[in-house]
Every structure is written in structure tokens, then in C-alpha cells.
Amino acid sequence: MRKENSTNAVNEKALQQYCSAFKTLSLISGRWKLSILFKLLKTETSYSEFKLLLPEISDRTLSKQLNELMADGLILKNKSKVSSIYSLTDKGLKLEKILIDLSAFHDQD
């Protein structure tokens, strides 16, 4: 976790203020966020399903990434009697074209 008044934190806030693209990228950047978002584009997913889909991810990291995506308003957590189910919000669904274009960019070579 970065200190609020560190040079990196101050620079990041400035970039977000002046560049909307940077702000959007900061929402989806994170070691596993893109994989989580791509999965949620296809279907609602439980925590245990994420663990099966991404066996290399630690519980701590998965929880952190899911919490950050929720805090940024990109995903929702719906609790049922059996488990928690994650889904995209309307804001998260707006990322679909961006995510598909990012994936297609790599595939064009």
C-alpha cells in the first residue's frame, strides 16, 4: 500500500485529474482484475469459481482485487445462503468494448 503523500501517489492523482484514459486504466489495472472482469463479462461468478478459474491467485489477492473492483463501482457482490455471487454493474458493463479491444489488439499480430 502506497502512502497518500508519497511522490508516486501525488503524481498518480495528478495524472488521473488530467488524463481520463489514465483514470480508466487505473480502475482495471491490477494483477488479476482483467481476468476477473473477462469472466464476469460471460457470467455471474462465485468466489469459489474464481478460485477454480484462477488457481494461482491467493485468497488474499483475490479478495483484495474483488474489493477494489467493488469500491470502484465495477462489480457487485450478491450474498446468497450458499455463497457470494459477483456480477458486473452497469458501469462495469461499459468496459466490455474496451476489454475486447485490448484483447484484439494483441491478437492482430
C-alpha atoms as a PDB file:
ATOM      1  CA  MET A   1       0.000   0.000   0.000  1.00  0.00           C
ATOM      2  CA  ARG A   2       1.330   3.383  -1.012  1.00  0.00           C
ATOM      3  CA  LYS A   3       1.451   6.375   1.331  1.00  0.00           C
ATOM      4  CA  GLU A   4      -1.066   9.093   0.401  1.00  0.00           C
ATOM      5  CA  ASN A   5       1.582  11.833   0.304  1.00  0.00           C
ATOM      6  CA  SER A   6       4.315   9.882  -1.495  1.00  0.00           C
ATOM      7  CA  THR A   7       5.599  11.278  -4.777  1.00  0.00           C
ATOM      8  CA  ASN A   8       4.089   8.343  -6.678  1.00  0.00           C
ATOM      9  CA  ALA A   9       0.663   8.866  -5.098  1.00  0.00           C
ATOM     10  CA  VAL A  10       0.747  12.609  -5.798  1.00  0.00           C
ATOM     11  CA  ASN A  11       1.794  12.005  -9.417  1.00  0.00           C
ATOM     12  CA  GLU A  12      -0.913   9.390  -9.890  1.00  0.00           C
ATOM     13  CA  LYS A  13      -3.598  11.778  -8.619  1.00  0.00           C
ATOM     14  CA  ALA A  14      -2.343  14.467 -10.998  1.00  0.00           C
ATOM     15  CA  LEU A  15      -2.400  12.069 -13.947  1.00  0.00           C
ATOM     16  CA  GLN A  16      -5.935  10.977 -13.098  1.00  0.00           C
ATOM     17  CA  GLN A  17      -7.021  14.601 -12.954  1.00  0.00           C
ATOM     18  CA  TYR A  18      -5.567  15.471 -16.365  1.00  0.00           C
ATOM     19  CA  CYS A  19      -5.999  12.222 -18.294  1.00  0.00           C
ATOM     20  CA  SER A  20      -9.290  10.325 -18.386  1.00  0.00           C
ATOM     21  CA  ALA A  21      -7.641   7.370 -20.123  1.00  0.00           C
ATOM     22  CA  PHE A  22      -5.174   7.020 -17.244  1.00  0.00           C
ATOM     23  CA  LYS A  23      -8.029   7.092 -14.762  1.00  0.00           C
ATOM     24  CA  THR A  24      -9.825   4.308 -16.636  1.00  0.00           C
ATOM     25  CA  LEU A  25      -6.663   2.227 -16.853  1.00  0.00           C
ATOM     26  CA  SER A  26      -6.069   2.643 -13.134  1.00  0.00           C
ATOM     27  CA  LEU A  27      -9.522   1.139 -12.467  1.00  0.00           C
ATOM     28  CA  ILE A  28      -8.731  -2.051 -14.373  1.00  0.00           C
ATOM     29  CA  SER A  29      -5.036  -2.344 -13.600  1.00  0.00           C
ATOM     30  CA  GLY A  30      -4.113  -4.933 -11.071  1.00  0.00           C
ATOM     31  CA  ARG A  31      -2.579  -8.338 -11.343  1.00  0.00           C
ATOM     32  CA  TRP A  32      -5.863 -10.229 -11.799  1.00  0.00           C
ATOM     33  CA  LYS A  33      -8.518  -7.586 -12.475  1.00  0.00           C
ATOM     34  CA  LEU A  34      -8.665  -8.146 -16.228  1.00  0.00           C
ATOM     35  CA  SER A  35      -9.146 -11.897 -15.778  1.00  0.00           C
ATOM     36  CA  ILE A  36     -11.885 -11.260 -13.219  1.00  0.00           C
ATOM     37  CA  LEU A  37     -13.641  -8.757 -15.479  1.00  0.00           C
ATOM     38  CA  PHE A  38     -13.433 -11.022 -18.546  1.00  0.00           C
ATOM     39  CA  LYS A  39     -15.006 -13.864 -16.561  1.00  0.00           C
ATOM     40  CA  LEU A  40     -17.796 -11.579 -15.359  1.00  0.00           C
ATOM     41  CA  LEU A  41     -18.492 -10.457 -18.947  1.00  0.00           C
ATOM     42  CA  LYS A  42     -19.574 -14.043 -19.605  1.00  0.00           C
ATOM     43  CA  THR A  43     -21.465 -14.875 -16.412  1.00  0.00           C
ATOM     44  CA  GLU A  44     -22.000 -14.146 -12.752  1.00  0.00           C
ATOM     45  CA  THR A  45     -19.326 -15.912 -10.747  1.00  0.00           C
ATOM     46  CA  SER A  46     -18.856 -17.073  -7.171  1.00  0.00           C
ATOM     47  CA  TYR A  47     -15.671 -16.709  -5.153  1.00  0.00           C
ATOM     48  CA  SER A  48     -15.039 -20.454  -5.349  1.00  0.00           C
ATOM     49  CA  GLU A  49     -15.488 -20.402  -9.141  1.00  0.00           C
ATOM     50  CA  PHE A  50     -12.841 -17.671  -9.372  1.00  0.00           C
ATOM     51  CA  LYS A  51     -10.509 -19.883  -7.342  1.00  0.00           C
ATOM     52  CA  LEU A  52     -11.059 -22.745  -9.817  1.00  0.00           C
ATOM     53  CA  LEU A  53     -10.646 -20.456 -12.819  1.00  0.00           C
ATOM     54  CA  LEU A  54      -7.517 -18.765 -11.417  1.00  0.00           C
ATOM     55  CA  PRO A  55      -5.767 -21.455  -9.318  1.00  0.00           C
ATOM     56  CA  GLU A  56      -2.572 -19.396  -8.995  1.00  0.00           C
ATOM     57  CA  ILE A  57      -4.283 -16.497  -7.224  1.00  0.00           C
ATOM     58  CA  SER A  58      -4.032 -16.356  -3.443  1.00  0.00           C
ATOM     59  CA  ASP A  59      -7.132 -15.844  -1.302  1.00  0.00           C
ATOM     60  CA  ARG A  60      -5.745 -12.522  -0.080  1.00  0.00           C
ATOM     61  CA  THR A  61      -5.112 -11.227  -3.596  1.00  0.00           C
ATOM     62  CA  LEU A  62      -8.483 -12.384  -4.933  1.00  0.00           C
ATOM     63  CA  SER A  63     -10.295 -10.734  -2.033  1.00  0.00           C
ATOM     64  CA  LYS A  64      -8.294  -7.535  -2.493  1.00  0.00           C
ATOM     65  CA  GLN A  65      -8.949  -7.355  -6.244  1.00  0.00           C
ATOM     66  CA  LEU A  66     -12.673  -8.065  -5.802  1.00  0.00           C
ATOM     67  CA  ASN A  67     -12.940  -5.433  -3.059  1.00  0.00           C
ATOM     68  CA  GLU A  68     -11.167  -2.834  -5.210  1.00  0.00           C
ATOM     69  CA  LEU A  69     -13.464  -3.561  -8.161  1.00  0.00           C
ATOM     70  CA  MET A  70     -16.482  -3.202  -5.855  1.00  0.00           C
ATOM     71  CA  ALA A  71     -15.136   0.042  -4.372  1.00  0.00           C
ATOM     72  CA  ASP A  72     -14.685   1.427  -7.890  1.00  0.00           C
ATOM     73  CA  GLY A  73     -18.278   0.530  -8.736  1.00  0.00           C
ATOM     74  CA  LEU A  74     -17.418  -2.024 -11.426  1.00  0.00           C
ATOM     75  CA  ILE A  75     -18.805  -5.152  -9.758  1.00  0.00           C
ATOM     76  CA  LEU A  76     -21.476  -6.101  -7.235  1.00  0.00           C
ATOM     77  CA  LYS A  77     -21.438  -8.788  -4.558  1.00  0.00           C
ATOM     78  CA  ASN A  78     -24.767 -10.531  -4.036  1.00  0.00           C
ATOM     79  CA  LYS A  79     -24.868 -12.755  -0.972  1.00  0.00           C
ATOM     80  CA  SER A  80     -26.979 -15.900  -1.011  1.00  0.00           C
ATOM     81  CA  LYS A  81     -27.392 -18.598   1.610  1.00  0.00           C
ATOM     82  CA  VAL A  82     -24.723 -20.707  -0.044  1.00  0.00           C
ATOM     83  CA  SER A  83     -22.134 -18.225  -1.358  1.00  0.00           C
ATOM     84  CA  SER A  84     -21.433 -14.749  -2.652  1.00  0.00           C
ATOM     85  CA  ILE A  85     -22.035 -14.169  -6.337  1.00  0.00           C
ATOM     86  CA  TYR A  86     -20.227 -11.409  -8.208  1.00  0.00           C
ATOM     87  CA  SER A  87     -21.593  -9.618 -11.262  1.00  0.00           C
ATOM     88  CA  LEU A  88     -20.826  -6.525 -13.303  1.00  0.00           C
ATOM     89  CA  THR A  89     -22.562  -3.247 -12.583  1.00  0.00           C
ATOM     90  CA  ASP A  90     -23.818  -1.034 -15.400  1.00  0.00           C
ATOM     91  CA  LYS A  91     -20.538   0.862 -15.109  1.00  0.00           C
ATOM     92  CA  GLY A  92     -18.608  -2.418 -15.358  1.00  0.00           C
ATOM     93  CA  LEU A  93     -20.594  -3.480 -18.416  1.00  0.00           C
ATOM     94  CA  LYS A  94     -19.489  -0.278 -20.163  1.00  0.00           C
ATOM     95  CA  LEU A  95     -15.938  -1.688 -20.127  1.00  0.00           C
ATOM     96  CA  GLU A  96     -16.887  -4.560 -22.448  1.00  0.00           C
ATOM     97  CA  LYS A  97     -15.794  -2.884 -25.689  1.00  0.00           C
ATOM     98  CA  ILE A  98     -12.561  -1.654 -24.094  1.00  0.00           C
ATOM     99  CA  LEU A  99     -11.709  -5.121 -22.795  1.00  0.00           C
ATOM    100  CA  ILE A 100     -12.497  -6.791 -26.115  1.00  0.00           C
ATOM    101  CA  ASP A 101     -10.431  -4.185 -27.982  1.00  0.00           C
ATOM    102  CA  LEU A 102      -7.495  -4.733 -25.600  1.00  0.00           C
ATOM    103  CA  SER A 103      -7.647  -8.444 -26.238  1.00  0.00           C
ATOM    104  CA  ALA A 104      -7.997  -7.984 -30.010  1.00  0.00           C
ATOM    105  CA  PHE A 105      -5.006  -5.638 -30.112  1.00  0.00           C
ATOM    106  CA  HIS A 106      -2.722  -8.474 -29.025  1.00  0.00           C
ATOM    107  CA  ASP A 107      -4.343 -10.950 -31.424  1.00  0.00           C
ATOM    108  CA  GLN A 108      -3.787  -8.795 -34.521  1.00  0.00           C
ATOM    109  CA  ASP A 109      -0.101  -9.688 -34.917  1.00  0.00           C
END
